[in-house]
Amino acid sequence: MVGVAPNGFDICSSDYHCGWYLFCYYSPPTLFSGPPFSYKCLNTSLSNVNDEIIVVMNMKRKAIKFIINNEDKGFSYENIPIDKPLFPAVLLLDKNDSVEISEC
């Protein structure tokens, strides 16, 4: 999962409802976040290796969008609470999974 988590998110916890993510395990990838947030369905798939996912936070709009392999998917989450700090978050599933994080 790639996305944004609030300050204080316990990475060792099994509570993955904390944050706003693109869940890449399935094809097509889906959005994943706990209630009360709704999400839109994304109609694209990832090829597993060397895909590029850009997470864009628009603080004025209180919204998050994903750009996958240069394809802008539009805003996926809106009205997110910004009263506390939010941070980039990546949750990996399998032992040999890896990710490269770069700053734009």
C-alpha atoms as a PDB file:
ATOM      1  CA  MET A   1       0.000   0.000   0.000  1.00  0.00           C
ATOM      2  CA  VAL A   2       1.256   3.463  -0.877  1.00  0.00           C
ATOM      3  CA  GLY A   3      -0.255   6.596   0.587  1.00  0.00           C
ATOM      4  CA  VAL A   4      -0.438   8.893   3.586  1.00  0.00           C
ATOM      5  CA  ALA A   5      -0.768   8.135   7.303  1.00  0.00           C
ATOM      6  CA  PRO A   6      -1.432  10.437  10.252  1.00  0.00           C
ATOM      7  CA  ASN A   7       1.175  11.253  12.862  1.00  0.00           C
ATOM      8  CA  GLY A   8       1.405   8.537  15.468  1.00  0.00           C
ATOM      9  CA  PHE A   9       0.516   5.652  13.144  1.00  0.00           C
ATOM     10  CA  ASP A  10       1.906   2.462  14.701  1.00  0.00           C
ATOM     11  CA  ILE A  11       3.701   0.617  11.906  1.00  0.00           C
ATOM     12  CA  CYS A  12       3.740  -2.563  14.026  1.00  0.00           C
ATOM     13  CA  SER A  13      -0.033  -2.490  14.480  1.00  0.00           C
ATOM     14  CA  SER A  14      -2.379  -4.634  12.444  1.00  0.00           C
ATOM     15  CA  ASP A  15      -4.747  -1.638  12.112  1.00  0.00           C
ATOM     16  CA  TYR A  16      -4.232  -0.740   8.449  1.00  0.00           C
ATOM     17  CA  HIS A  17      -7.349   1.429   8.444  1.00  0.00           C
ATOM     18  CA  CYS A  18      -5.223   4.326   9.638  1.00  0.00           C
ATOM     19  CA  GLY A  19      -4.471   6.454   6.589  1.00  0.00           C
ATOM     20  CA  TRP A  20      -5.362   6.787   2.919  1.00  0.00           C
ATOM     21  CA  TYR A  21      -3.752   4.347   0.500  1.00  0.00           C
ATOM     22  CA  LEU A  22      -3.570   2.902  -2.966  1.00  0.00           C
ATOM     23  CA  PHE A  23      -3.679  -0.872  -2.392  1.00  0.00           C
ATOM     24  CA  CYS A  24      -1.484  -2.336  -5.142  1.00  0.00           C
ATOM     25  CA  TYR A  25      -1.721  -6.049  -4.295  1.00  0.00           C
ATOM     26  CA  TYR A  26      -4.674  -6.651  -6.617  1.00  0.00           C
ATOM     27  CA  SER A  27      -5.088  -5.753 -10.261  1.00  0.00           C
ATOM     28  CA  PRO A  28      -6.528  -3.252 -10.784  1.00  0.00           C
ATOM     29  CA  PRO A  29      -5.295  -1.472  -7.667  1.00  0.00           C
ATOM     30  CA  THR A  30      -7.976  -0.179  -5.336  1.00  0.00           C
ATOM     31  CA  LEU A  31      -8.228   2.496  -2.695  1.00  0.00           C
ATOM     32  CA  PHE A  32      -8.069   1.525   0.945  1.00  0.00           C
ATOM     33  CA  SER A  33      -9.011   3.587   3.982  1.00  0.00           C
ATOM     34  CA  GLY A  34     -11.099   3.083   7.060  1.00  0.00           C
ATOM     35  CA  PRO A  35     -14.488   4.707   7.584  1.00  0.00           C
ATOM     36  CA  PRO A  36     -15.882   7.298   7.287  1.00  0.00           C
ATOM     37  CA  PHE A  37     -13.888   8.003   4.118  1.00  0.00           C
ATOM     38  CA  SER A  38     -15.254   6.937   0.763  1.00  0.00           C
ATOM     39  CA  TYR A  39     -13.204   6.139  -2.271  1.00  0.00           C
ATOM     40  CA  LYS A  40     -13.439   5.920  -6.024  1.00  0.00           C
ATOM     41  CA  CYS A  41     -12.515   2.905  -8.132  1.00  0.00           C
ATOM     42  CA  LEU A  42      -9.336   3.221 -10.190  1.00  0.00           C
ATOM     43  CA  ASN A  43      -9.223   1.523 -13.571  1.00  0.00           C
ATOM     44  CA  THR A  44      -5.569   0.768 -14.150  1.00  0.00           C
ATOM     45  CA  SER A  45      -3.201  -2.053 -13.354  1.00  0.00           C
ATOM     46  CA  LEU A  46       0.401  -2.219 -12.208  1.00  0.00           C
ATOM     47  CA  SER A  47       3.038  -4.409 -13.798  1.00  0.00           C
ATOM     48  CA  ASN A  48       4.742  -5.208 -10.474  1.00  0.00           C
ATOM     49  CA  VAL A  49       8.233  -3.980 -11.380  1.00  0.00           C
ATOM     50  CA  ASN A  50       9.424  -0.414 -11.963  1.00  0.00           C
ATOM     51  CA  ASP A  51       5.987   1.167 -11.765  1.00  0.00           C
ATOM     52  CA  GLU A  52       5.934   4.756 -10.616  1.00  0.00           C
ATOM     53  CA  ILE A  53       3.308   5.917  -8.143  1.00  0.00           C
ATOM     54  CA  ILE A  54       3.211   9.584  -7.186  1.00  0.00           C
ATOM     55  CA  VAL A  55       1.143  10.636  -4.182  1.00  0.00           C
ATOM     56  CA  VAL A  56      -0.033  14.262  -4.330  1.00  0.00           C
ATOM     57  CA  MET A  57      -1.450  16.000  -1.271  1.00  0.00           C
ATOM     58  CA  ASN A  58      -3.376  19.202  -1.873  1.00  0.00           C
ATOM     59  CA  MET A  59      -3.593  20.783   1.569  1.00  0.00           C
ATOM     60  CA  LYS A  60      -5.883  23.650   0.472  1.00  0.00           C
ATOM     61  CA  ARG A  61      -8.369  21.208  -1.016  1.00  0.00           C
ATOM     62  CA  LYS A  62      -7.768  18.623   1.768  1.00  0.00           C
ATOM     63  CA  ALA A  63      -7.397  15.972  -0.910  1.00  0.00           C
ATOM     64  CA  ILE A  64      -5.052  13.216  -2.067  1.00  0.00           C
ATOM     65  CA  LYS A  65      -4.563  11.925  -5.579  1.00  0.00           C
ATOM     66  CA  PHE A  66      -2.376   9.296  -7.205  1.00  0.00           C
ATOM     67  CA  ILE A  67      -0.470   9.473 -10.466  1.00  0.00           C
ATOM     68  CA  ILE A  68       0.385   6.001 -11.761  1.00  0.00           C
ATOM     69  CA  ASN A  69       2.973   5.710 -14.525  1.00  0.00           C
ATOM     70  CA  ASN A  70       2.323   9.356 -15.513  1.00  0.00           C
ATOM     71  CA  GLU A  71      -1.466   8.825 -15.634  1.00  0.00           C
ATOM     72  CA  ASP A  72      -3.245  11.253 -13.314  1.00  0.00           C
ATOM     73  CA  LYS A  73      -6.094   9.393 -11.607  1.00  0.00           C
ATOM     74  CA  GLY A  74      -7.683  12.533 -10.183  1.00  0.00           C
ATOM     75  CA  PHE A  75      -8.488  13.127  -6.537  1.00  0.00           C
ATOM     76  CA  SER A  76      -9.220   9.877  -4.753  1.00  0.00           C
ATOM     77  CA  TYR A  77      -9.729  11.159  -1.215  1.00  0.00           C
ATOM     78  CA  GLU A  78     -11.305  14.482  -0.281  1.00  0.00           C
ATOM     79  CA  ASN A  79     -12.039  16.233   3.017  1.00  0.00           C
ATOM     80  CA  ILE A  80      -9.199  14.464   4.801  1.00  0.00           C
ATOM     81  CA  PRO A  81      -8.458  15.864   8.257  1.00  0.00           C
ATOM     82  CA  ILE A  82      -5.377  18.075   8.166  1.00  0.00           C
ATOM     83  CA  ASP A  83      -5.494  19.268  11.771  1.00  0.00           C
ATOM     84  CA  LYS A  84      -2.600  16.871  12.602  1.00  0.00           C
ATOM     85  CA  PRO A  85       0.573  16.133  10.592  1.00  0.00           C
ATOM     86  CA  LEU A  86       0.352  13.603   7.770  1.00  0.00           C
ATOM     87  CA  PHE A  87       3.296  11.601   6.451  1.00  0.00           C
ATOM     88  CA  PRO A  88       4.094   9.446   3.403  1.00  0.00           C
ATOM     89  CA  ALA A  89       3.534   5.763   4.150  1.00  0.00           C
ATOM     90  CA  VAL A  90       4.392   2.527   2.375  1.00  0.00           C
ATOM     91  CA  LEU A  91       3.253  -0.842   3.722  1.00  0.00           C
ATOM     92  CA  LEU A  92       4.911  -3.899   2.147  1.00  0.00           C
ATOM     93  CA  LEU A  93       3.376  -7.372   2.154  1.00  0.00           C
ATOM     94  CA  ASP A  94       6.001  -9.974   1.334  1.00  0.00           C
ATOM     95  CA  LYS A  95       9.481 -10.537   2.723  1.00  0.00           C
ATOM     96  CA  ASN A  96      11.370  -9.515  -0.452  1.00  0.00           C
ATOM     97  CA  ASP A  97       9.158  -6.583  -1.462  1.00  0.00           C
ATOM     98  CA  SER A  98      10.974  -3.294  -1.938  1.00  0.00           C
ATOM     99  CA  VAL A  99      10.255   0.311  -2.709  1.00  0.00           C
ATOM    100  CA  GLU A 100      12.324   3.331  -3.703  1.00  0.00           C
ATOM    101  CA  ILE A 101      11.201   6.698  -2.392  1.00  0.00           C
ATOM    102  CA  SER A 102      12.354   9.826  -4.183  1.00  0.00           C
ATOM    103  CA  GLU A 103      11.553  13.489  -3.662  1.00  0.00           C
ATOM    104  CA  CYS A 104      10.193  15.559  -6.538  1.00  0.00           C
END
